[in-house]
């Protein structure tokens, strides 16, 4: 049985593929953390954090990505590029896919280039 996070990551991946992105890696794990999805958007390598929140009580899915999480994602991305040098010449960006259960809309909030 998949946990809730995996279900939302799968949903996000299907959404992004429908938008023209291609899967490179899923649940990329390093000592410093994990990147949910790594995809290519034409020539750009995209590191994607997927967030789901059942409630907006603490600010919702988008607001749950604080500076510490961003720093971990940056470290993970650098490690990915070190281990996969073929991608190191491509431009990179960090996107966020956010799902809030409180929203009546099933579509995610997709923030391209959410942080550096």
Protein backbone atom coordinates (compact mmCIF):
# COMPACT_ATOMS: atom_id res chain seq x y z
CA UNK A 1 0.00 0.00 0.00
CA UNK A 2 1.31 3.43 -0.92
CA UNK A 3 1.50 6.15 1.67
CA UNK A 4 -0.27 9.46 1.13
CA UNK A 5 2.90 11.25 0.01
CA UNK A 6 3.61 8.66 -2.68
CA UNK A 7 0.05 8.95 -3.97
CA UNK A 8 0.37 12.72 -4.36
CA UNK A 9 3.81 12.39 -5.95
CA UNK A 10 2.37 9.96 -8.50
CA UNK A 11 -0.49 12.35 -9.18
CA UNK A 12 1.96 15.24 -9.62
CA UNK A 13 4.13 13.17 -11.99
CA UNK A 14 1.11 12.34 -14.16
CA UNK A 15 0.11 16.00 -14.22
CA UNK A 16 3.60 17.13 -15.22
CA UNK A 17 3.88 14.49 -17.94
CA UNK A 18 0.55 15.77 -19.31
CA UNK A 19 2.20 19.22 -19.42
CA UNK A 20 5.07 17.91 -21.56
CA UNK A 21 7.76 17.11 -18.98
CA UNK A 22 9.69 13.81 -19.00
CA UNK A 23 10.61 11.74 -15.96
CA UNK A 24 14.32 11.49 -15.14
CA UNK A 25 14.17 10.16 -11.55
CA UNK A 26 11.67 9.65 -8.77
CA UNK A 27 12.34 9.76 -5.01
CA UNK A 28 16.03 10.56 -5.43
CA UNK A 29 17.54 9.96 -1.99
CA UNK A 30 20.90 11.16 -0.69
CA UNK A 31 22.44 11.55 2.77
CA UNK A 32 21.18 15.13 2.89
CA UNK A 33 17.58 14.45 1.89
CA UNK A 34 15.25 13.53 -0.94
CA UNK A 35 13.98 15.08 -4.15
CA UNK A 36 10.48 13.89 -4.99
CA UNK A 37 10.69 14.19 -8.78
CA UNK A 38 13.43 15.07 -11.24
CA UNK A 39 12.11 15.80 -14.72
CA UNK A 40 13.20 17.46 -17.92
CA UNK A 41 11.29 20.38 -19.39
CA UNK A 42 12.70 20.66 -22.88
CA UNK A 43 16.39 21.37 -22.18
CA UNK A 44 15.94 22.28 -18.49
CA UNK A 45 16.43 19.84 -15.62
CA UNK A 46 13.68 20.39 -13.06
CA UNK A 47 13.91 19.37 -9.40
CA UNK A 48 10.38 19.14 -8.03
CA UNK A 49 9.10 19.17 -4.48
CA UNK A 50 5.54 17.84 -4.09
CA UNK A 51 3.52 19.02 -1.11
CA UNK A 52 0.09 18.04 0.14
CA UNK A 53 -1.71 19.47 3.12
CA UNK A 54 -5.09 18.33 4.34
CA UNK A 55 -5.63 21.66 6.06
CA UNK A 56 -4.55 25.27 5.61
CA UNK A 57 -4.36 25.60 9.37
CA UNK A 58 -0.60 26.11 9.29
CA UNK A 59 -0.42 27.96 5.98
CA UNK A 60 -1.12 25.25 3.43
CA UNK A 61 1.11 23.15 1.21
CA UNK A 62 3.03 25.95 -0.47
CA UNK A 63 3.96 27.66 2.78
CA UNK A 64 5.32 24.42 4.23
CA UNK A 65 8.55 24.70 2.22
CA UNK A 66 10.80 26.69 4.49
CA UNK A 67 14.39 27.79 3.96
CA UNK A 68 15.83 24.65 5.58
CA UNK A 69 13.97 22.40 3.13
CA UNK A 70 15.14 24.55 0.23
CA UNK A 71 18.76 24.19 1.36
CA UNK A 72 18.38 20.40 1.57
CA UNK A 73 16.93 20.31 -1.95
CA UNK A 74 19.84 22.39 -3.25
CA UNK A 75 22.35 19.98 -1.69
CA UNK A 76 20.52 16.97 -3.14
CA UNK A 77 20.42 18.59 -6.58
CA UNK A 78 24.16 19.30 -6.46
CA UNK A 79 24.78 15.67 -5.56
CA UNK A 80 22.59 14.49 -8.44
CA UNK A 81 24.55 16.67 -10.87
CA UNK A 82 27.87 15.36 -9.51
CA UNK A 83 26.77 11.75 -10.00
CA UNK A 84 25.11 12.39 -13.39
CA UNK A 85 27.52 14.70 -15.22
CA UNK A 86 25.57 14.45 -18.49
CA UNK A 87 22.95 16.72 -16.85
CA UNK A 88 25.49 19.20 -15.44
CA UNK A 89 25.52 21.33 -18.60
CA UNK A 90 21.73 21.79 -18.62
CA UNK A 91 20.01 24.75 -17.00
CA UNK A 92 18.26 23.75 -13.77
CA UNK A 93 15.30 25.02 -11.80
CA UNK A 94 13.32 24.13 -8.68
CA UNK A 95 9.55 23.79 -8.99
CA UNK A 96 6.89 23.12 -6.40
CA UNK A 97 3.67 21.21 -6.95
CA UNK A 98 1.25 21.98 -4.12
CA UNK A 99 -2.04 20.28 -3.34
CA UNK A 100 -4.36 21.59 -0.64
CA UNK A 101 -7.29 19.38 0.32
CA UNK A 102 -9.20 22.50 1.36
CA UNK A 103 -9.20 23.63 -2.27
CA UNK A 104 -12.21 22.63 -4.32
CA UNK A 105 -10.00 22.39 -7.41
CA UNK A 106 -8.25 19.07 -8.12
CA UNK A 107 -5.51 20.77 -10.13
CA UNK A 108 -2.26 21.47 -8.34
CA UNK A 109 -0.67 24.82 -7.84
CA UNK A 110 2.47 24.62 -9.98
CA UNK A 111 5.14 27.15 -9.08
CA UNK A 112 7.94 27.17 -11.65
CA UNK A 113 11.31 28.41 -10.45
CA UNK A 114 10.00 28.57 -6.89
CA UNK A 115 13.47 29.28 -5.47
CA UNK A 116 17.16 29.29 -6.42
